[in-house]
């Protein structure tokens, strides 16, 4: 009897050429890129967690939504986050989530999650450049700018 198993494929299909990818040089530019690509019909409704996937030149390969949740929180599965980072061959990430309430301050849960992701990323040689909190007006809070990354 023949043993049959599923085939696993890993792929990444960029649609834009690298020369068209925005280069992130500041938290304000990263926040602008993410905010421009956020669904403005939902940013004030529920919390979402996304990652900017970057190459070695800090150019944005893409944005991936890890999760969306409720009004006051969303769950982040680190296995999914790192699967996407590895699958896209990204060397750096910028973490981003929104606060529908308009509060820019990170919660203790936000800080703990950031530490946990950074720990896993260090093990995989992936840089965590920042964690941004966006609010519906487009304003942001940067963990890196505030020195808590």
N, C-alpha and C. Protein backbone atom coordinates (compact mmCIF):
# COMPACT_ATOMS: atom_id res chain seq x y z
N UNK A 1 0.84 -1.17 0.00
CA UNK A 1 0.00 0.00 0.00
C UNK A 1 0.89 1.25 0.00
N UNK A 2 0.52 2.21 -0.83
CA UNK A 2 1.27 3.45 -0.97
C UNK A 2 0.85 4.45 0.11
N UNK A 3 1.84 5.05 0.76
CA UNK A 3 1.56 6.08 1.76
C UNK A 3 1.48 7.42 1.05
N UNK A 4 0.37 8.11 1.25
CA UNK A 4 0.18 9.40 0.60
C UNK A 4 0.14 10.50 1.67
N UNK A 5 0.77 11.61 1.35
CA UNK A 5 0.77 12.75 2.27
C UNK A 5 0.51 14.03 1.47
N UNK A 6 0.17 15.08 2.17
CA UNK A 6 -0.06 16.37 1.53
C UNK A 6 1.26 17.03 1.17
N UNK A 7 1.26 17.75 0.07
CA UNK A 7 2.42 18.54 -0.32
C UNK A 7 2.30 19.92 0.30
N UNK A 8 3.38 20.43 0.84
CA UNK A 8 3.43 21.77 1.40
C UNK A 8 4.21 22.65 0.45
N UNK A 9 3.62 23.77 0.07
CA UNK A 9 4.31 24.73 -0.79
C UNK A 9 4.42 26.05 -0.06
N UNK A 10 5.56 26.67 -0.21
CA UNK A 10 5.78 27.99 0.36
C UNK A 10 6.10 28.92 -0.79
N UNK A 11 5.34 30.00 -0.90
CA UNK A 11 5.58 30.92 -2.00
C UNK A 11 5.34 32.36 -1.56
N UNK A 12 5.96 33.25 -2.29
CA UNK A 12 5.79 34.68 -2.10
C UNK A 12 5.81 35.27 -3.49
N UNK A 13 4.76 35.98 -3.86
CA UNK A 13 4.64 36.52 -5.21
C UNK A 13 4.54 38.04 -5.19
N UNK A 14 5.68 38.71 -5.25
CA UNK A 14 5.61 40.18 -5.28
C UNK A 14 5.02 40.65 -6.61
N UNK A 15 4.16 41.67 -6.54
CA UNK A 15 3.54 42.21 -7.75
C UNK A 15 4.20 43.51 -8.20
N UNK A 16 4.88 44.17 -7.29
CA UNK A 16 5.58 45.41 -7.61
C UNK A 16 7.08 45.17 -7.64
N UNK A 17 7.77 45.86 -8.52
CA UNK A 17 9.23 45.77 -8.56
C UNK A 17 9.81 46.51 -7.37
N UNK A 18 10.95 46.04 -6.89
CA UNK A 18 11.57 46.58 -5.68
C UNK A 18 11.82 48.09 -5.76
N UNK A 19 12.08 48.60 -6.94
CA UNK A 19 12.33 50.04 -7.05
C UNK A 19 11.09 50.89 -6.74
N UNK A 20 9.92 50.26 -6.70
CA UNK A 20 8.68 50.97 -6.38
C UNK A 20 8.25 50.79 -4.92
N UNK A 21 8.99 50.00 -4.17
CA UNK A 21 8.66 49.78 -2.76
C UNK A 21 9.08 51.01 -1.96
N UNK A 22 8.22 51.51 -1.07
CA UNK A 22 8.63 52.65 -0.25
C UNK A 22 9.74 52.25 0.74
N UNK A 23 10.70 53.15 0.90
CA UNK A 23 11.79 52.92 1.86
C UNK A 23 11.43 53.63 3.17
N UNK A 24 11.44 52.87 4.25
CA UNK A 24 11.09 53.41 5.55
C UNK A 24 12.34 53.99 6.21
N UNK A 25 12.28 55.29 6.49
CA UNK A 25 13.42 55.96 7.12
C UNK A 25 13.03 56.62 8.44
N UNK A 26 11.74 56.56 8.79
CA UNK A 26 11.29 57.17 10.04
C UNK A 26 9.97 56.55 10.46
N UNK A 27 9.62 56.76 11.73
CA UNK A 27 8.34 56.26 12.21
C UNK A 27 7.18 56.98 11.53
N UNK A 28 7.36 58.25 11.23
CA UNK A 28 6.27 59.01 10.59
C UNK A 28 5.99 58.48 9.19
N UNK A 29 7.03 58.11 8.47
CA UNK A 29 6.82 57.53 7.13
C UNK A 29 6.15 56.16 7.23
N UNK A 30 6.58 55.35 8.18
CA UNK A 30 5.97 54.03 8.37
C UNK A 30 4.50 54.19 8.72
N UNK A 31 4.18 55.11 9.62
CA UNK A 31 2.80 55.34 10.02
C UNK A 31 1.96 55.81 8.83
N UNK A 32 2.53 56.68 8.03
CA UNK A 32 1.80 57.18 6.85
C UNK A 32 1.50 56.06 5.86
N UNK A 33 2.50 55.23 5.59
CA UNK A 33 2.32 54.11 4.64
C UNK A 33 1.22 53.17 5.13
N UNK A 34 1.26 52.83 6.42
CA UNK A 34 0.24 51.92 6.95
C UNK A 34 -1.13 52.58 6.97
N UNK A 35 -1.20 53.82 7.43
CA UNK A 35 -2.48 54.52 7.52
C UNK A 35 -3.13 54.64 6.15
N UNK A 36 -2.34 54.96 5.12
CA UNK A 36 -2.87 55.08 3.76
C UNK A 36 -3.42 53.76 3.23
N UNK A 37 -2.92 52.65 3.77
CA UNK A 37 -3.34 51.33 3.31
C UNK A 37 -4.30 50.64 4.28
N UNK A 38 -4.78 51.36 5.27
CA UNK A 38 -5.73 50.81 6.25
C UNK A 38 -7.14 51.05 5.74
N UNK A 39 -8.04 50.16 6.02
CA UNK A 39 -9.44 50.35 5.68
C UNK A 39 -10.02 51.40 6.63
N UNK A 40 -10.27 52.60 6.13
CA UNK A 40 -10.72 53.70 6.97
C UNK A 40 -12.17 53.51 7.45
N UNK A 41 -12.86 52.52 6.90
CA UNK A 41 -14.20 52.20 7.38
C UNK A 41 -14.16 51.37 8.65
N UNK A 42 -12.99 50.79 8.98
CA UNK A 42 -12.91 49.91 10.15
C UNK A 42 -11.94 50.39 11.22
N UNK A 43 -11.10 51.36 10.92
CA UNK A 43 -10.05 51.76 11.87
C UNK A 43 -10.62 52.27 13.20
N UNK A 44 -11.83 52.84 13.16
CA UNK A 44 -12.46 53.33 14.39
C UNK A 44 -13.46 52.33 14.97
N UNK A 45 -13.56 51.14 14.34
CA UNK A 45 -14.56 50.17 14.75
C UNK A 45 -13.96 49.05 15.60
N UNK A 46 -12.91 48.41 15.09
CA UNK A 46 -12.30 47.29 15.82
C UNK A 46 -10.79 47.33 15.68
N UNK A 47 -10.15 46.67 16.62
CA UNK A 47 -8.69 46.64 16.66
C UNK A 47 -8.16 45.59 15.70
N UNK A 48 -7.10 45.95 14.97
CA UNK A 48 -6.42 45.04 14.06
C UNK A 48 -4.92 45.10 14.33
N UNK A 49 -4.23 44.02 14.01
CA UNK A 49 -2.78 43.95 14.17
C UNK A 49 -2.18 43.59 12.82
N UNK A 50 -1.24 44.41 12.36
CA UNK A 50 -0.61 44.21 11.05
C UNK A 50 0.90 44.27 11.20
N UNK A 51 1.58 43.76 10.19
CA UNK A 51 3.03 43.88 10.15
C UNK A 51 3.46 44.44 8.79
N UNK A 52 4.43 45.33 8.83
CA UNK A 52 5.11 45.78 7.63
C UNK A 52 6.30 44.85 7.47
N UNK A 53 6.40 44.24 6.32
CA UNK A 53 7.49 43.31 6.03
C UNK A 53 8.54 44.06 5.22
N UNK A 54 9.77 44.06 5.71
CA UNK A 54 10.83 44.87 5.11
C UNK A 54 11.99 44.01 4.63
N UNK A 55 12.65 44.51 3.57
CA UNK A 55 13.88 43.85 3.12
C UNK A 55 15.08 44.48 3.84
N UNK A 56 16.27 44.11 3.44
CA UNK A 56 17.48 44.58 4.12
C UNK A 56 17.73 46.07 3.93
N UNK A 57 17.08 46.69 2.95
CA UNK A 57 17.21 48.13 2.71
C UNK A 57 16.07 48.92 3.34
N UNK A 58 15.29 48.26 4.20
CA UNK A 58 14.11 48.86 4.85
C UNK A 58 13.04 49.28 3.85
N UNK A 59 12.99 48.58 2.72
CA UNK A 59 11.92 48.81 1.76
C UNK A 59 10.76 47.86 2.09
N UNK A 60 9.54 48.38 1.96
CA UNK A 60 8.35 47.62 2.32
C UNK A 60 8.02 46.61 1.24
N UNK A 61 8.13 45.34 1.59
CA UNK A 61 7.76 44.26 0.69
C UNK A 61 6.24 44.10 0.66
N UNK A 62 5.60 44.41 1.79
CA UNK A 62 4.16 44.30 1.86
C UNK A 62 3.67 44.53 3.28
N UNK A 63 2.36 44.56 3.41
CA UNK A 63 1.69 44.68 4.70
C UNK A 63 0.80 43.45 4.85
N UNK A 64 0.86 42.83 6.02
CA UNK A 64 0.03 41.65 6.25
C UNK A 64 -0.77 41.85 7.53
N UNK A 65 -2.07 41.60 7.45
CA UNK A 65 -2.92 41.68 8.64
C UNK A 65 -2.87 40.35 9.36
N UNK A 66 -2.35 40.37 10.58
CA UNK A 66 -2.25 39.16 11.40
C UNK A 66 -3.59 38.82 12.02
N UNK A 67 -4.30 39.85 12.50
CA UNK A 67 -5.58 39.58 13.16
C UNK A 67 -6.44 40.82 13.20
N UNK A 68 -7.72 40.61 13.43
CA UNK A 68 -8.63 41.69 13.81
C UNK A 68 -9.55 41.13 14.88
N UNK A 69 -9.91 42.01 15.77
CA UNK A 69 -10.66 41.52 16.93
C UNK A 69 -11.84 42.38 17.28
N UNK A 70 -11.89 42.78 18.54
CA UNK A 70 -13.01 43.55 19.04
C UNK A 70 -12.65 45.01 19.22
N UNK A 71 -13.47 45.68 19.97
CA UNK A 71 -13.31 47.11 20.19
C UNK A 71 -12.08 47.42 21.03
N UNK A 72 -11.73 46.52 21.96
CA UNK A 72 -10.64 46.81 22.89
C UNK A 72 -9.45 45.88 22.77
N UNK A 73 -9.43 44.99 21.79
CA UNK A 73 -8.28 44.11 21.68
C UNK A 73 -8.38 43.14 20.52
N UNK A 74 -7.24 42.54 20.21
CA UNK A 74 -7.17 41.50 19.20
C UNK A 74 -6.07 40.52 19.60
N UNK A 75 -6.25 39.27 19.26
CA UNK A 75 -5.25 38.25 19.58
C UNK A 75 -4.22 38.15 18.46
N UNK A 76 -2.97 37.95 18.84
CA UNK A 76 -1.90 37.81 17.87
C UNK A 76 -1.27 36.44 18.05
N UNK A 77 -1.35 35.63 17.01
CA UNK A 77 -0.73 34.31 17.01
C UNK A 77 0.69 34.46 16.48
N UNK A 78 1.67 34.32 17.36
CA UNK A 78 3.06 34.51 16.96
C UNK A 78 3.51 33.53 15.88
N UNK A 79 2.95 32.33 15.89
CA UNK A 79 3.33 31.36 14.86
C UNK A 79 2.93 31.86 13.48
N UNK A 80 1.76 32.45 13.38
CA UNK A 80 1.31 33.01 12.10
C UNK A 80 2.17 34.21 11.71
N UNK A 81 2.45 35.09 12.66
CA UNK A 81 3.28 36.26 12.39
C UNK A 81 4.64 35.84 11.83
N UNK A 82 5.30 34.90 12.50
CA UNK A 82 6.63 34.50 12.04
C UNK A 82 6.58 33.65 10.78
N UNK A 83 5.50 32.90 10.57
CA UNK A 83 5.35 32.15 9.32
C UNK A 83 5.32 33.12 8.14
N UNK A 84 4.59 34.21 8.27
CA UNK A 84 4.51 35.20 7.20
C UNK A 84 5.86 35.89 7.00
N UNK A 85 6.52 36.26 8.10
CA UNK A 85 7.83 36.91 7.99
C UNK A 85 8.84 36.00 7.30
N UNK A 86 8.85 34.72 7.67
CA UNK A 86 9.79 33.79 7.06
C UNK A 86 9.42 33.47 5.62
N UNK A 87 8.14 33.30 5.36
CA UNK A 87 7.68 32.97 4.01
C UNK A 87 8.02 34.08 3.02
N UNK A 88 7.95 35.32 3.47
CA UNK A 88 8.24 36.45 2.59
C UNK A 88 9.73 36.81 2.56
N UNK A 89 10.53 36.05 3.30
CA UNK A 89 11.98 36.29 3.38
C UNK A 89 12.30 37.71 3.85
N UNK A 90 11.51 38.19 4.80
CA UNK A 90 11.73 39.52 5.34
C UNK A 90 12.81 39.49 6.41
N UNK A 91 13.60 40.55 6.47
CA UNK A 91 14.67 40.62 7.47
C UNK A 91 14.33 41.57 8.60
N UNK A 92 13.27 42.36 8.42
CA UNK A 92 12.86 43.29 9.48
C UNK A 92 11.34 43.47 9.41
N UNK A 93 10.78 43.81 10.56
CA UNK A 93 9.34 44.03 10.67
C UNK A 93 9.07 45.32 11.43
N UNK A 94 7.95 45.93 11.10
CA UNK A 94 7.39 46.99 11.92
C UNK A 94 6.01 46.50 12.31
N UNK A 95 5.78 46.41 13.60
CA UNK A 95 4.49 45.96 14.13
C UNK A 95 3.56 47.16 14.19
N UNK A 96 2.29 46.95 13.88
CA UNK A 96 1.33 48.05 13.89
C UNK A 96 -0.02 47.54 14.37
N UNK A 97 -0.63 48.27 15.27
CA UNK A 97 -2.04 48.00 15.57
C UNK A 97 -2.74 49.32 15.85
N UNK A 98 -4.06 49.28 15.78
CA UNK A 98 -4.83 50.50 15.98
C UNK A 98 -5.56 50.46 17.32
N UNK A 99 -5.85 51.64 17.81
CA UNK A 99 -6.69 51.81 18.99
C UNK A 99 -7.93 52.58 18.54
N UNK A 100 -9.04 51.90 18.32
CA UNK A 100 -10.26 52.58 17.87
C UNK A 100 -10.71 53.69 18.83
N UNK A 101 -10.35 53.57 20.09
CA UNK A 101 -10.76 54.57 21.11
C UNK A 101 -10.08 55.91 20.91
N UNK A 102 -8.99 55.94 20.16
CA UNK A 102 -8.23 57.18 19.98
C UNK A 102 -7.15 57.39 21.01
N UNK A 103 -6.96 56.42 21.91
CA UNK A 103 -5.91 56.50 22.93
C UNK A 103 -4.57 56.12 22.32
N UNK A 104 -3.59 56.99 22.45
CA UNK A 104 -2.27 56.71 21.87
C UNK A 104 -1.33 55.94 22.80
N UNK A 105 -1.61 55.89 24.07
CA UNK A 105 -0.71 55.23 25.01
C UNK A 105 -0.82 53.72 24.89
N UNK A 106 0.31 53.01 24.90
CA UNK A 106 0.27 51.55 24.87
C UNK A 106 -0.16 50.98 26.23
N UNK A 107 -0.90 49.90 26.18
CA UNK A 107 -1.30 49.21 27.40
C UNK A 107 -0.15 48.29 27.83
N UNK A 108 -0.26 47.75 29.04
CA UNK A 108 0.74 46.77 29.49
C UNK A 108 0.71 45.54 28.58
N UNK A 109 -0.49 45.16 28.12
CA UNK A 109 -0.60 44.03 27.19
C UNK A 109 0.14 44.33 25.89
N UNK A 110 0.06 45.56 25.40
CA UNK A 110 0.79 45.97 24.19
C UNK A 110 2.30 45.84 24.40
N UNK A 111 2.76 46.29 25.54
CA UNK A 111 4.20 46.24 25.85
C UNK A 111 4.66 44.78 25.99
N UNK A 112 3.88 43.96 26.67
CA UNK A 112 4.24 42.55 26.84
C UNK A 112 4.28 41.81 25.51
N UNK A 113 3.30 42.08 24.66
CA UNK A 113 3.27 41.44 23.34
C UNK A 113 4.49 41.84 22.53
N UNK A 114 4.85 43.11 22.58
CA UNK A 114 6.02 43.59 21.85
C UNK A 114 7.28 42.88 22.31
N UNK A 115 7.45 42.75 23.63
CA UNK A 115 8.63 42.04 24.16
C UNK A 115 8.66 40.58 23.70
N UNK A 116 7.50 39.95 23.70
CA UNK A 116 7.41 38.54 23.30
C UNK A 116 7.76 38.38 21.81
N UNK A 117 7.24 39.25 20.97
CA UNK A 117 7.54 39.19 19.53
C UNK A 117 9.02 39.48 19.30
N UNK A 118 9.55 40.48 19.98
CA UNK A 118 10.96 40.83 19.82
C UNK A 118 11.87 39.68 20.22
N UNK A 119 11.52 38.97 21.27
CA UNK A 119 12.31 37.82 21.72
C UNK A 119 12.34 36.74 20.65
N UNK A 120 11.19 36.42 20.08
CA UNK A 120 11.14 35.42 19.01
C UNK A 120 11.88 35.88 17.77
N UNK A 121 11.75 37.14 17.45
CA UNK A 121 12.41 37.70 16.27
C UNK A 121 13.93 37.66 16.43
N UNK A 122 14.42 37.98 17.63
CA UNK A 122 15.86 37.92 17.88
C UNK A 122 16.40 36.51 17.61
N UNK A 123 15.66 35.52 18.05
CA UNK A 123 16.06 34.13 17.83
C UNK A 123 16.16 33.80 16.34
N UNK A 124 15.27 34.40 15.54
CA UNK A 124 15.24 34.13 14.09
C UNK A 124 16.05 35.12 13.27
N UNK A 125 16.79 36.00 13.93
CA UNK A 125 17.57 37.05 13.25
C UNK A 125 16.70 37.96 12.40
N UNK A 126 15.51 38.27 12.89
CA UNK A 126 14.62 39.23 12.25
C UNK A 126 14.58 40.46 13.16
N UNK A 127 14.80 41.63 12.58
CA UNK A 127 14.80 42.86 13.38
C UNK A 127 13.37 43.39 13.55
N UNK A 128 13.05 43.79 14.75
CA UNK A 128 11.80 44.51 15.00
C UNK A 128 12.20 45.98 15.11
N UNK A 129 11.88 46.75 14.09
CA UNK A 129 12.31 48.15 14.05
C UNK A 129 11.41 49.08 14.86
N UNK A 130 10.13 48.72 14.97
CA UNK A 130 9.22 49.60 15.71
C UNK A 130 7.91 48.86 15.95
N UNK A 131 7.13 49.41 16.82
CA UNK A 131 5.73 49.00 17.02
C UNK A 131 4.94 50.30 17.08
N UNK A 132 4.06 50.48 16.12
CA UNK A 132 3.26 51.70 16.03
C UNK A 132 1.84 51.43 16.49
N UNK A 133 1.27 52.41 17.16
CA UNK A 133 -0.15 52.39 17.49
C UNK A 133 -0.78 53.53 16.69
N UNK A 134 -1.74 53.21 15.86
CA UNK A 134 -2.45 54.21 15.06
C UNK A 134 -3.82 54.48 15.67
N UNK A 135 -4.28 55.71 15.53
CA UNK A 135 -5.65 56.03 15.92
C UNK A 135 -6.37 56.54 14.67
N UNK A 136 -7.70 56.60 14.71
CA UNK A 136 -8.48 56.94 13.50
C UNK A 136 -8.13 58.27 12.83
N UNK A 137 -7.54 59.20 13.54
CA UNK A 137 -7.17 60.49 12.95
C UNK A 137 -5.88 60.41 12.14
N UNK A 138 -5.15 59.28 12.25
CA UNK A 138 -3.86 59.14 11.57
C UNK A 138 -2.68 59.43 12.48
N UNK A 139 -2.94 59.92 13.68
CA UNK A 139 -1.84 60.13 14.63
C UNK A 139 -1.32 58.77 15.07
N UNK A 140 -0.10 58.75 15.59
CA UNK A 140 0.51 57.47 15.96
C UNK A 140 1.40 57.62 17.18
N UNK A 141 1.68 56.48 17.77
CA UNK A 141 2.65 56.35 18.87
C UNK A 141 3.70 55.37 18.41
N UNK A 142 4.97 55.70 18.59
CA UNK A 142 6.06 54.85 18.18
C UNK A 142 6.82 54.33 19.40
N UNK A 143 6.87 53.01 19.56
CA UNK A 143 7.65 52.41 20.64
C UNK A 143 9.12 52.79 20.50
N UNK A 144 9.64 52.78 19.28
CA UNK A 144 11.06 53.09 19.07
C UNK A 144 11.36 54.54 19.42
N UNK A 145 10.52 55.46 18.98
CA UNK A 145 10.74 56.88 19.27
C UNK A 145 10.69 57.16 20.77
N UNK A 146 9.86 56.40 21.48
CA UNK A 146 9.71 56.57 22.92
C UNK A 146 10.74 55.77 23.74
N UNK A 147 11.60 55.02 23.03
CA UNK A 147 12.67 54.28 23.71
C UNK A 147 12.22 53.06 24.48
N UNK A 148 11.06 52.48 24.14
CA UNK A 148 10.59 51.31 24.88
C UNK A 148 10.54 50.04 24.01
N UNK A 149 11.32 50.04 22.96
CA UNK A 149 11.36 48.85 22.10
C UNK A 149 12.47 47.92 22.55
